[in-house]
Amino acid sequence: MSRQPRRPRRCQLSVPGSSEKMMAKAAGLDIDHVFLDLEDAVAPSAKAGARGLIVEALNSHDWKPRTLCVRINDVETQWCHDDIIEVVTGAGNKLDTVMLTKAKSVSDVMFVHLLLDQLESKLGLTRRIGIECLIEEVEGMMHVEDIAACSDRLECLIFGMGDYSASQQMQLGYVGSSGSYPPDVWHYPRYKMTIACHANGIDPVDGPYANFRNPEAYTKEAERSFTLGMVGKWAIHPSQVELANAIFTPDPDAIADARKQKAAYAEALEQGLGAINVDGVMVDAASIRIVQNLIDRADLIGI
């Protein structure tokens, strides 16, 4: 189980680490989570320079997002090691998490875990940096249960359907699309990853939808992941943030009903009753577990 704090992740906004302008704009957004990207959004020739831009942005801006994250390159690249060392050395006291791309195995995650151990000790950092992992390779999906359980720094897993579709040689068009497949083509990997996350007390997050001019399709994908138990979805454009928040923020009426049911059930237990009727709805031990999940999510968000 993770020893990291729980954080709201209704939406994770992607921001290129090579763009000073976009990072400055993201700093002023009142959102749950932003990650400054050193991977796909940054050309190979610009990666080294982008590390310095990210360090400068983290240190110089007054950041409103609740969680600050940097997405690093995967462990099989030449950049991963320096991504971690330079960003943590330069701005580790401002950083909440690092996001590891293309995690395929436990050893990939533990490489990051152990390097963070060393850096935090060397630098005297008092706030522990968490790890987020992208499951976006078939090997990662095959090992997702082991990955989800391997590190107490691990806070969440994200389903990265773009690289995953390439890894599985799927023919779908743009990232996040279901192509011509009639049901939800992402159902199995979403379901599998979500189960692994909740079994280990970490957050499952859904990945990107590339066509940001199609809010209806984005909303449909967010609704599907929400139904399966995911806690949030990526945004590759600020216009998607509000869409994700609308899906993953509990309805105020539902929260009020949940709190009423919980209070009524607690009173019923004192009277020796195991199941009761609250406004025409049967409430018992199993339904209270569902109610409690909703209350916990509302408390985490602060509503």
C-alpha atoms as a PDB file:
ATOM      1  CA  MET A   1       0.000   0.000   0.000  1.00  0.00           C
ATOM      2  CA  SER A   2       1.219   3.486  -0.815  1.00  0.00           C
ATOM      3  CA  ARG A   3       2.611   5.639   2.005  1.00  0.00           C
ATOM      4  CA  GLN A   4       1.968   8.746  -0.067  1.00  0.00           C
ATOM      5  CA  PRO A   5      -0.837  11.240   0.610  1.00  0.00           C
ATOM      6  CA  ARG A   6      -4.078  10.873  -1.307  1.00  0.00           C
ATOM      7  CA  ARG A   7      -4.523  13.594  -3.916  1.00  0.00           C
ATOM      8  CA  PRO A   8      -7.481  14.595  -6.120  1.00  0.00           C
ATOM      9  CA  ARG A   9      -6.859  13.606  -9.743  1.00  0.00           C
ATOM     10  CA  ARG A  10     -10.099  14.434 -11.535  1.00  0.00           C
ATOM     11  CA  CYS A  11      -8.060  15.861 -14.376  1.00  0.00           C
ATOM     12  CA  GLN A  12      -4.349  15.672 -15.158  1.00  0.00           C
ATOM     13  CA  LEU A  13      -3.344  18.416 -17.574  1.00  0.00           C
ATOM     14  CA  SER A  14      -0.385  17.813 -19.898  1.00  0.00           C
ATOM     15  CA  VAL A  15       1.952  20.781 -20.462  1.00  0.00           C
ATOM     16  CA  PRO A  16       5.062  20.672 -22.704  1.00  0.00           C
ATOM     17  CA  GLY A  17       8.185  21.206 -20.640  1.00  0.00           C
ATOM     18  CA  SER A  18       9.828  22.997 -23.537  1.00  0.00           C
ATOM     19  CA  SER A  19       7.231  25.802 -23.551  1.00  0.00           C
ATOM     20  CA  GLU A  20       7.844  28.569 -21.015  1.00  0.00           C
ATOM     21  CA  LYS A  21       4.616  30.267 -22.117  1.00  0.00           C
ATOM     22  CA  MET A  22       2.426  27.196 -21.580  1.00  0.00           C
ATOM     23  CA  MET A  23       3.995  26.413 -18.208  1.00  0.00           C
ATOM     24  CA  ALA A  24       3.424  29.989 -17.055  1.00  0.00           C
ATOM     25  CA  LYS A  25      -0.220  29.755 -18.093  1.00  0.00           C
ATOM     26  CA  ALA A  26      -0.660  26.363 -16.387  1.00  0.00           C
ATOM     27  CA  ALA A  27       0.729  27.777 -13.125  1.00  0.00           C
ATOM     28  CA  GLY A  28      -2.341  30.002 -12.796  1.00  0.00           C
ATOM     29  CA  LEU A  29      -4.938  27.282 -13.343  1.00  0.00           C
ATOM     30  CA  ASP A  30      -7.045  26.145 -10.403  1.00  0.00           C
ATOM     31  CA  ILE A  31      -6.927  22.423 -11.192  1.00  0.00           C
ATOM     32  CA  ASP A  32      -6.155  19.175  -9.409  1.00  0.00           C
ATOM     33  CA  HIS A  33      -3.020  18.107 -11.238  1.00  0.00           C
ATOM     34  CA  VAL A  34      -0.596  19.325 -13.886  1.00  0.00           C
ATOM     35  CA  PHE A  35       2.350  17.434 -15.329  1.00  0.00           C
ATOM     36  CA  LEU A  36       5.215  19.132 -17.125  1.00  0.00           C
ATOM     37  CA  ASP A  37       6.243  16.832 -19.928  1.00  0.00           C
ATOM     38  CA  LEU A  38       9.775  15.793 -20.850  1.00  0.00           C
ATOM     39  CA  GLU A  39       8.661  12.886 -23.016  1.00  0.00           C
ATOM     40  CA  ASP A  40       6.497  12.929 -26.151  1.00  0.00           C
ATOM     41  CA  ALA A  41       5.800  16.675 -26.114  1.00  0.00           C
ATOM     42  CA  VAL A  42       9.530  17.473 -26.290  1.00  0.00           C
ATOM     43  CA  ALA A  43      11.752  16.710 -29.279  1.00  0.00           C
ATOM     44  CA  PRO A  44      14.915  14.677 -28.561  1.00  0.00           C
ATOM     45  CA  SER A  45      17.128  17.654 -29.342  1.00  0.00           C
ATOM     46  CA  ALA A  46      15.213  19.821 -26.848  1.00  0.00           C
ATOM     47  CA  LYS A  47      14.993  17.424 -23.889  1.00  0.00           C
ATOM     48  CA  ALA A  48      18.171  18.516 -22.125  1.00  0.00           C
ATOM     49  CA  GLY A  49      17.201  22.173 -22.349  1.00  0.00           C
ATOM     50  CA  ALA A  50      13.625  21.476 -21.263  1.00  0.00           C
ATOM     51  CA  ARG A  51      14.835  20.125 -17.919  1.00  0.00           C
ATOM     52  CA  GLY A  52      16.246  23.546 -17.073  1.00  0.00           C
ATOM     53  CA  LEU A  53      13.070  25.275 -18.228  1.00  0.00           C
ATOM     54  CA  ILE A  54      10.989  23.027 -15.975  1.00  0.00           C
ATOM     55  CA  VAL A  55      13.239  23.670 -12.976  1.00  0.00           C
ATOM     56  CA  GLU A  56      12.990  27.405 -13.584  1.00  0.00           C
ATOM     57  CA  ALA A  57       9.208  27.237 -13.976  1.00  0.00           C
ATOM     58  CA  LEU A  58       8.730  25.188 -10.803  1.00  0.00           C
ATOM     59  CA  ASN A  59      10.856  27.590  -8.787  1.00  0.00           C
ATOM     60  CA  SER A  60       9.666  30.898 -10.205  1.00  0.00           C
ATOM     61  CA  HIS A  61       5.884  30.609 -10.520  1.00  0.00           C
ATOM     62  CA  ASP A  62       3.218  30.664  -7.832  1.00  0.00           C
ATOM     63  CA  TRP A  63       1.552  27.372  -8.758  1.00  0.00           C
ATOM     64  CA  LYS A  64      -2.195  26.972  -8.161  1.00  0.00           C
ATOM     65  CA  PRO A  65      -2.606  23.301  -9.253  1.00  0.00           C
ATOM     66  CA  ARG A  66      -2.837  21.023  -6.226  1.00  0.00           C
ATOM     67  CA  THR A  67      -0.317  18.493  -7.557  1.00  0.00           C
ATOM     68  CA  LEU A  68       2.859  19.314  -9.497  1.00  0.00           C
ATOM     69  CA  CYS A  69       4.321  16.463 -11.512  1.00  0.00           C
ATOM     70  CA  VAL A  70       7.042  16.006 -14.126  1.00  0.00           C
ATOM     71  CA  ARG A  71       6.682  13.293 -16.750  1.00  0.00           C
ATOM     72  CA  ILE A  72      10.078  11.717 -17.404  1.00  0.00           C
ATOM     73  CA  ASN A  73      11.333   9.542 -20.243  1.00  0.00           C
ATOM     74  CA  ASP A  74      11.269   5.777 -19.781  1.00  0.00           C
ATOM     75  CA  VAL A  75      14.110   3.769 -18.261  1.00  0.00           C
ATOM     76  CA  GLU A  76      15.183   2.310 -21.607  1.00  0.00           C
ATOM     77  CA  THR A  77      16.100   5.747 -22.968  1.00  0.00           C
ATOM     78  CA  GLN A  78      19.265   7.783 -22.574  1.00  0.00           C
ATOM     79  CA  TRP A  79      17.325  10.602 -20.875  1.00  0.00           C
ATOM     80  CA  CYS A  80      15.586   9.023 -17.872  1.00  0.00           C
ATOM     81  CA  HIS A  81      18.508   9.137 -15.433  1.00  0.00           C
ATOM     82  CA  ASP A  82      19.286  12.809 -16.056  1.00  0.00           C
ATOM     83  CA  ASP A  83      15.593  13.734 -16.120  1.00  0.00           C
ATOM     84  CA  ILE A  84      15.246  12.595 -12.517  1.00  0.00           C
ATOM     85  CA  ILE A  85      18.574  13.890 -11.228  1.00  0.00           C
ATOM     86  CA  GLU A  86      18.382  17.361 -12.790  1.00  0.00           C
ATOM     87  CA  VAL A  87      14.732  18.066 -11.989  1.00  0.00           C
ATOM     88  CA  VAL A  88      14.845  16.747  -8.419  1.00  0.00           C
ATOM     89  CA  THR A  89      18.181  18.433  -7.705  1.00  0.00           C
ATOM     90  CA  GLY A  90      16.924  21.725  -9.103  1.00  0.00           C
ATOM     91  CA  ALA A  91      13.354  21.787  -7.797  1.00  0.00           C
ATOM     92  CA  GLY A  92      12.706  18.691  -5.680  1.00  0.00           C
ATOM     93  CA  ASN A  93      11.173  20.741  -2.880  1.00  0.00           C
ATOM     94  CA  LYS A  94       8.465  21.964  -5.286  1.00  0.00           C
ATOM     95  CA  LEU A  95       7.717  18.585  -6.810  1.00  0.00           C
ATOM     96  CA  ASP A  96       4.902  16.293  -5.647  1.00  0.00           C
ATOM     97  CA  THR A  97       5.381  13.380  -8.044  1.00  0.00           C
ATOM     98  CA  VAL A  98       7.327  12.125 -11.030  1.00  0.00           C
ATOM     99  CA  MET A  99       5.531  10.241 -13.779  1.00  0.00           C
ATOM    100  CA  LEU A 100       7.366   7.280 -15.280  1.00  0.00           C
ATOM    101  CA  THR A 101       6.499   6.503 -18.882  1.00  0.00           C
ATOM    102  CA  LYS A 102       6.240   3.036 -20.440  1.00  0.00           C
ATOM    103  CA  ALA A 103       6.588   1.086 -17.195  1.00  0.00           C
ATOM    104  CA  LYS A 104       6.954  -2.544 -18.226  1.00  0.00           C
ATOM    105  CA  SER A 105       8.045  -4.244 -15.016  1.00  0.00           C
ATOM    106  CA  VAL A 106       8.652  -3.892 -11.296  1.00  0.00           C
ATOM    107  CA  SER A 107      12.341  -3.214 -11.945  1.00  0.00           C
ATOM    108  CA  ASP A 108      11.458  -0.124 -14.016  1.00  0.00           C
ATOM    109  CA  VAL A 109       9.551   1.378 -11.091  1.00  0.00           C
ATOM    110  CA  MET A 110      12.159   0.405  -8.522  1.00  0.00           C
ATOM    111  CA  PHE A 111      14.878   2.137 -10.549  1.00  0.00           C
ATOM    112  CA  VAL A 112      12.990   5.397 -10.057  1.00  0.00           C
ATOM    113  CA  HIS A 113      12.151   4.580  -6.430  1.00  0.00           C
ATOM    114  CA  LEU A 114      15.754   3.921  -5.445  1.00  0.00           C
ATOM    115  CA  LEU A 115      17.106   6.937  -7.303  1.00  0.00           C
ATOM    116  CA  LEU A 116      14.603   9.129  -5.463  1.00  0.00           C
ATOM    117  CA  ASP A 117      15.714   7.543  -2.168  1.00  0.00           C
ATOM    118  CA  GLN A 118      19.298   8.541  -2.890  1.00  0.00           C
ATOM    119  CA  LEU A 119      18.494  12.054  -4.075  1.00  0.00           C
ATOM    120  CA  GLU A 120      16.202  12.864  -1.169  1.00  0.00           C
ATOM    121  CA  SER A 121      18.886  11.718   1.268  1.00  0.00           C
ATOM    122  CA  LYS A 122      21.635  13.628  -0.524  1.00  0.00           C
ATOM    123  CA  LEU A 123      19.624  16.845  -0.872  1.00  0.00           C
ATOM    124  CA  GLY A 124      17.984  16.715   2.544  1.00  0.00           C
ATOM    125  CA  LEU A 125      14.480  16.852   1.083  1.00  0.00           C
ATOM    126  CA  THR A 126      11.849  16.495   3.783  1.00  0.00           C
ATOM    127  CA  ARG A 127       8.825  15.943   1.549  1.00  0.00           C
ATOM    128  CA  ARG A 128       8.742  12.516  -0.092  1.00  0.00           C
ATOM    129  CA  ILE A 129       8.226  12.521  -3.861  1.00  0.00           C
ATOM    130  CA  GLY A 130       5.598  10.110  -5.178  1.00  0.00           C
ATOM    131  CA  ILE A 131       5.647   8.043  -8.347  1.00  0.00           C
ATOM    132  CA  GLU A 132       2.975   7.831 -11.029  1.00  0.00           C
ATOM    133  CA  CYS A 133       3.305   5.231 -13.796  1.00  0.00           C
ATOM    134  CA  LEU A 134       1.971   4.987 -17.298  1.00  0.00           C
ATOM    135  CA  ILE A 135       0.819   1.532 -18.320  1.00  0.00           C
ATOM    136  CA  GLU A 136       1.166   1.861 -22.081  1.00  0.00           C
ATOM    137  CA  GLU A 137       2.999  -1.224 -23.277  1.00  0.00           C
ATOM    138  CA  VAL A 138       1.652  -4.771 -23.542  1.00  0.00           C
ATOM    139  CA  GLU A 139       4.394  -5.915 -21.150  1.00  0.00           C
ATOM    140  CA  GLY A 140       3.219  -3.366 -18.597  1.00  0.00           C
ATOM    141  CA  MET A 141      -0.368  -4.553 -18.876  1.00  0.00           C
ATOM    142  CA  MET A 142       0.762  -8.164 -18.476  1.00  0.00           C
ATOM    143  CA  HIS A 143       2.606  -7.214 -15.247  1.00  0.00           C
ATOM    144  CA  VAL A 144       0.192  -4.558 -13.989  1.00  0.00           C
ATOM    145  CA  GLU A 145      -0.718  -6.413 -10.780  1.00  0.00           C
ATOM    146  CA  ASP A 146       2.943  -6.680  -9.753  1.00  0.00           C
ATOM    147  CA  ILE A 147       3.663  -3.083 -10.758  1.00  0.00           C
ATOM    148  CA  ALA A 148       0.733  -1.766  -8.714  1.00  0.00           C
ATOM    149  CA  ALA A 149       2.061  -3.520  -5.599  1.00  0.00           C
ATOM    150  CA  CYS A 150       5.792  -2.878  -5.916  1.00  0.00           C
ATOM    151  CA  SER A 151       6.500   0.517  -4.332  1.00  0.00           C
ATOM    152  CA  ASP A 152       5.127   2.492  -1.418  1.00  0.00           C
ATOM    153  CA  ARG A 153       5.962   5.639  -3.387  1.00  0.00           C
ATOM    154  CA  LEU A 154       3.457   4.656  -6.066  1.00  0.00           C
ATOM    155  CA  GLU A 155       0.364   6.875  -6.083  1.00  0.00           C
ATOM    156  CA  CYS A 156      -1.387   6.064  -9.334  1.00  0.00           C
ATOM    157  CA  LEU A 157      -1.312   4.193 -12.620  1.00  0.00           C
ATOM    158  CA  ILE A 158      -2.423   5.816 -15.853  1.00  0.00           C
ATOM    159  CA  PHE A 159      -3.681   3.912 -18.872  1.00  0.00           C
ATOM    160  CA  GLY A 160      -1.818   5.359 -21.841  1.00  0.00           C
ATOM    161  CA  MET A 161      -3.885   4.158 -24.758  1.00  0.00           C
ATOM    162  CA  GLY A 162      -1.783   5.896 -27.420  1.00  0.00           C
ATOM    163  CA  ASP A 163       1.438   3.946 -27.020  1.00  0.00           C
ATOM    164  CA  TYR A 164      -0.562   0.939 -25.837  1.00  0.00           C
ATOM    165  CA  SER A 165      -2.452   0.732 -29.137  1.00  0.00           C
ATOM    166  CA  ALA A 166       0.878   0.871 -30.983  1.00  0.00           C
ATOM    167  CA  SER A 167       2.360  -1.787 -28.707  1.00  0.00           C
ATOM    168  CA  GLN A 168      -0.575  -4.102 -29.423  1.00  0.00           C
ATOM    169  CA  GLN A 169      -0.580  -3.140 -33.126  1.00  0.00           C
ATOM    170  CA  MET A 170      -4.174  -1.925 -32.941  1.00  0.00           C
ATOM    171  CA  GLN A 171      -5.654  -0.095 -35.941  1.00  0.00           C
ATOM    172  CA  LEU A 172      -7.677   2.786 -34.496  1.00  0.00           C
ATOM    173  CA  GLY A 173      -6.785   6.164 -35.982  1.00  0.00           C
ATOM    174  CA  TYR A 174      -5.999   8.925 -33.467  1.00  0.00           C
ATOM    175  CA  VAL A 175      -5.189   8.459 -29.778  1.00  0.00           C
ATOM    176  CA  GLY A 176      -8.164   7.580 -27.588  1.00  0.00           C
ATOM    177  CA  SER A 177     -10.420   6.579 -30.474  1.00  0.00           C
ATOM    178  CA  SER A 178     -12.207   3.226 -30.521  1.00  0.00           C
ATOM    179  CA  GLY A 179     -11.891   3.032 -34.293  1.00  0.00           C
ATOM    180  CA  SER A 180     -14.474   0.797 -35.953  1.00  0.00           C
ATOM    181  CA  TYR A 181     -14.712  -1.533 -32.940  1.00  0.00           C
ATOM    182  CA  PRO A 182     -18.391  -1.398 -31.943  1.00  0.00           C
ATOM    183  CA  PRO A 183     -18.227  -1.731 -28.120  1.00  0.00           C
ATOM    184  CA  ASP A 184     -15.616  -0.073 -25.863  1.00  0.00           C
ATOM    185  CA  VAL A 185     -12.273  -1.277 -27.206  1.00  0.00           C
ATOM    186  CA  TRP A 186     -10.547  -0.083 -24.008  1.00  0.00           C
ATOM    187  CA  HIS A 187     -12.808  -1.950 -21.603  1.00  0.00           C
ATOM    188  CA  TYR A 188     -10.455  -4.834 -20.796  1.00  0.00           C
ATOM    189  CA  PRO A 189      -7.235  -2.860 -20.163  1.00  0.00           C
ATOM    190  CA  ARG A 190      -9.097  -0.177 -18.220  1.00  0.00           C
ATOM    191  CA  TYR A 191     -10.834  -2.808 -16.121  1.00  0.00           C
ATOM    192  CA  LYS A 192      -7.659  -4.813 -15.515  1.00  0.00           C
ATOM    193  CA  MET A 193      -5.605  -1.807 -14.485  1.00  0.00           C
ATOM    194  CA  THR A 194      -8.369  -0.377 -12.293  1.00  0.00           C
ATOM    195  CA  ILE A 195      -8.676  -3.635 -10.370  1.00  0.00           C
ATOM    196  CA  ALA A 196      -4.901  -3.731  -9.794  1.00  0.00           C
ATOM    197  CA  CYS A 197      -4.944  -0.159  -8.509  1.00  0.00           C
ATOM    198  CA  HIS A 198      -7.805  -0.529  -6.056  1.00  0.00           C
ATOM    199  CA  ALA A 199      -6.412  -3.828  -4.760  1.00  0.00           C
ATOM    200  CA  ASN A 200      -3.295  -1.889  -3.758  1.00  0.00           C
ATOM    201  CA  GLY A 201      -4.813   1.386  -2.592  1.00  0.00           C
ATOM    202  CA  ILE A 202      -3.620   3.583  -5.452  1.00  0.00           C
ATOM    203  CA  ASP A 203      -5.483   5.672  -8.024  1.00  0.00           C
ATOM    204  CA  PRO A 204      -6.405   4.518 -11.548  1.00  0.00           C
ATOM    205  CA  VAL A 205      -6.423   7.355 -14.103  1.00  0.00           C
ATOM    206  CA  ASP A 206      -7.538   7.282 -17.730  1.00  0.00           C
ATOM    207  CA  GLY A 207      -5.269   8.608 -20.449  1.00  0.00           C
ATOM    208  CA  PRO A 208      -5.699  11.081 -23.292  1.00  0.00           C
ATOM    209  CA  TYR A 209      -8.259  11.706 -25.991  1.00  0.00           C
ATOM    210  CA  ALA A 210      -6.425  13.393 -28.839  1.00  0.00           C
ATOM    211  CA  ASN A 211      -9.266  15.134 -30.682  1.00  0.00           C
ATOM    212  CA  PHE A 212      -9.860  18.055 -28.317  1.00  0.00           C
ATOM    213  CA  ARG A 213     -12.410  19.511 -30.756  1.00  0.00           C
ATOM    214  CA  ASN A 214     -14.769  16.608 -29.997  1.00  0.00           C
ATOM    215  CA  PRO A 215     -16.015  17.216 -26.448  1.00  0.00           C
ATOM    216  CA  GLU A 216     -18.854  14.709 -26.817  1.00  0.00           C
ATOM    217  CA  ALA A 217     -16.470  11.820 -27.503  1.00  0.00           C
ATOM    218  CA  TYR A 218     -14.146  12.919 -24.698  1.00  0.00           C
ATOM    219  CA  THR A 219     -17.071  12.993 -22.286  1.00  0.00           C
ATOM    220  CA  LYS A 220     -18.181   9.511 -23.362  1.00  0.00           C
ATOM    221  CA  GLU A 221     -14.701   8.100 -22.718  1.00  0.00           C
ATOM    222  CA  ALA A 222     -14.534   9.839 -19.334  1.00  0.00           C
ATOM    223  CA  GLU A 223     -17.934   8.429 -18.371  1.00  0.00           C
ATOM    224  CA  ARG A 224     -16.788   4.912 -19.267  1.00  0.00           C
ATOM    225  CA  SER A 225     -13.654   5.149 -17.148  1.00  0.00           C
ATOM    226  CA  PHE A 226     -15.576   6.735 -14.260  1.00  0.00           C
ATOM    227  CA  THR A 227     -18.093   3.884 -14.299  1.00  0.00           C
ATOM    228  CA  LEU A 228     -15.286   1.343 -13.961  1.00  0.00           C
ATOM    229  CA  GLY A 229     -13.861   3.084 -10.894  1.00  0.00           C
ATOM    230  CA  MET A 230     -11.216   5.390 -12.316  1.00  0.00           C
ATOM    231  CA  VAL A 231     -10.725   8.673 -10.484  1.00  0.00           C
ATOM    232  CA  GLY A 232      -9.831  10.985 -13.359  1.00  0.00           C
ATOM    233  CA  LYS A 233      -8.702  11.476 -16.948  1.00  0.00           C
ATOM    234  CA  TRP A 234      -5.947  13.315 -18.772  1.00  0.00           C
ATOM    235  CA  ALA A 235      -6.436  16.572 -20.613  1.00  0.00           C
ATOM    236  CA  ILE A 236      -4.162  17.440 -23.510  1.00  0.00           C
ATOM    237  CA  HIS A 237      -5.843  20.850 -23.899  1.00  0.00           C
ATOM    238  CA  PRO A 238      -7.273  23.219 -21.266  1.00  0.00           C
ATOM    239  CA  SER A 239     -10.717  22.903 -22.876  1.00  0.00           C
ATOM    240  CA  GLN A 240     -10.885  19.291 -21.657  1.00  0.00           C
ATOM    241  CA  VAL A 241     -10.321  20.152 -17.994  1.00  0.00           C
ATOM    242  CA  GLU A 242     -13.884  21.280 -17.334  1.00  0.00           C
ATOM    243  CA  LEU A 243     -15.236  18.179 -19.110  1.00  0.00           C
ATOM    244  CA  ALA A 244     -13.218  15.851 -16.882  1.00  0.00           C
ATOM    245  CA  ASN A 245     -14.128  17.728 -13.715  1.00  0.00           C
ATOM    246  CA  ALA A 246     -17.817  17.494 -14.596  1.00  0.00           C
ATOM    247  CA  ILE A 247     -17.637  13.702 -14.803  1.00  0.00           C
ATOM    248  CA  PHE A 248     -15.345  12.978 -11.857  1.00  0.00           C
ATOM    249  CA  THR A 249     -16.802  15.481  -9.372  1.00  0.00           C
ATOM    250  CA  PRO A 250     -19.546  13.855  -7.280  1.00  0.00           C
ATOM    251  CA  ASP A 251     -22.995  15.365  -7.674  1.00  0.00           C
ATOM    252  CA  PRO A 252     -23.949  17.458  -4.606  1.00  0.00           C
ATOM    253  CA  ASP A 253     -27.346  15.751  -4.322  1.00  0.00           C
ATOM    254  CA  ALA A 254     -25.687  12.335  -4.445  1.00  0.00           C
ATOM    255  CA  ILE A 255     -23.272  13.384  -1.707  1.00  0.00           C
ATOM    256  CA  ALA A 256     -26.132  14.605   0.462  1.00  0.00           C
ATOM    257  CA  ASP A 257     -27.983  11.309  -0.049  1.00  0.00           C
ATOM    258  CA  ALA A 258     -24.824   9.359   0.763  1.00  0.00           C
ATOM    259  CA  ARG A 259     -24.268  11.212   4.025  1.00  0.00           C
ATOM    260  CA  LYS A 260     -27.941  10.766   4.955  1.00  0.00           C
ATOM    261  CA  GLN A 261     -27.774   7.017   4.269  1.00  0.00           C
ATOM    262  CA  LYS A 262     -24.579   6.651   6.275  1.00  0.00           C
ATOM    263  CA  ALA A 263     -26.053   8.470   9.269  1.00  0.00           C
ATOM    264  CA  ALA A 264     -29.283   6.445   9.099  1.00  0.00           C
ATOM    265  CA  TYR A 265     -27.368   3.172   8.854  1.00  0.00           C
ATOM    266  CA  ALA A 266     -25.171   4.027  11.842  1.00  0.00           C
ATOM    267  CA  GLU A 267     -28.346   4.687  13.867  1.00  0.00           C
ATOM    268  CA  ALA A 268     -29.881   1.429  12.640  1.00  0.00           C
ATOM    269  CA  LEU A 269     -26.831  -0.560  13.726  1.00  0.00           C
ATOM    270  CA  GLU A 270     -27.220   0.786  17.253  1.00  0.00           C
ATOM    271  CA  GLN A 271     -30.766  -0.617  17.173  1.00  0.00           C
ATOM    272  CA  GLY A 272     -29.534  -3.998  15.979  1.00  0.00           C
ATOM    273  CA  LEU A 273     -30.789  -3.608  12.410  1.00  0.00           C
ATOM    274  CA  GLY A 274     -28.684  -4.799   9.464  1.00  0.00           C
ATOM    275  CA  ALA A 275     -30.708  -3.417   6.560  1.00  0.00           C
ATOM    276  CA  ILE A 276     -32.978  -0.391   6.386  1.00  0.00           C
ATOM    277  CA  ASN A 277     -35.065   1.659   3.980  1.00  0.00           C
ATOM    278  CA  VAL A 278     -33.901   5.232   3.346  1.00  0.00           C
ATOM    279  CA  ASP A 279     -36.175   7.173   0.994  1.00  0.00           C
ATOM    280  CA  GLY A 280     -37.191   3.967  -0.785  1.00  0.00           C
ATOM    281  CA  VAL A 281     -33.629   2.671  -1.160  1.00  0.00           C
ATOM    282  CA  MET A 282     -32.399  -0.416   0.671  1.00  0.00           C
ATOM    283  CA  VAL A 283     -29.277   0.349   2.683  1.00  0.00           C
ATOM    284  CA  ASP A 284     -27.130  -2.441   4.088  1.00  0.00           C
ATOM    285  CA  ALA A 285     -23.450  -3.170   4.728  1.00  0.00           C
ATOM    286  CA  ALA A 286     -22.626  -3.626   1.048  1.00  0.00           C
ATOM    287  CA  SER A 287     -24.341  -0.433  -0.092  1.00  0.00           C
ATOM    288  CA  ILE A 288     -22.665   1.533   2.710  1.00  0.00           C
ATOM    289  CA  ARG A 289     -19.284   0.577   1.247  1.00  0.00           C
ATOM    290  CA  ILE A 290     -20.354   2.198  -2.039  1.00  0.00           C
ATOM    291  CA  VAL A 291     -21.711   5.222  -0.168  1.00  0.00           C
ATOM    292  CA  GLN A 292     -18.449   5.562   1.747  1.00  0.00           C
ATOM    293  CA  ASN A 293     -16.450   5.638  -1.500  1.00  0.00           C
ATOM    294  CA  LEU A 294     -18.527   8.594  -2.645  1.00  0.00           C
ATOM    295  CA  ILE A 295     -18.106  10.400   0.674  1.00  0.00           C
ATOM    296  CA  ASP A 296     -14.358   9.786   0.664  1.00  0.00           C
ATOM    297  CA  ARG A 297     -14.079  11.220  -2.851  1.00  0.00           C
ATOM    298  CA  ALA A 298     -16.104  14.281  -1.878  1.00  0.00           C
ATOM    299  CA  ASP A 299     -13.950  14.828   1.227  1.00  0.00           C
ATOM    300  CA  LEU A 300     -10.762  14.540  -0.838  1.00  0.00           C
ATOM    301  CA  ILE A 301     -11.996  17.172  -3.285  1.00  0.00           C
ATOM    302  CA  GLY A 302     -13.297  19.344  -0.469  1.00  0.00           C
ATOM    303  CA  ILE A 303     -17.015  19.398  -1.195  1.00  0.00           C
END
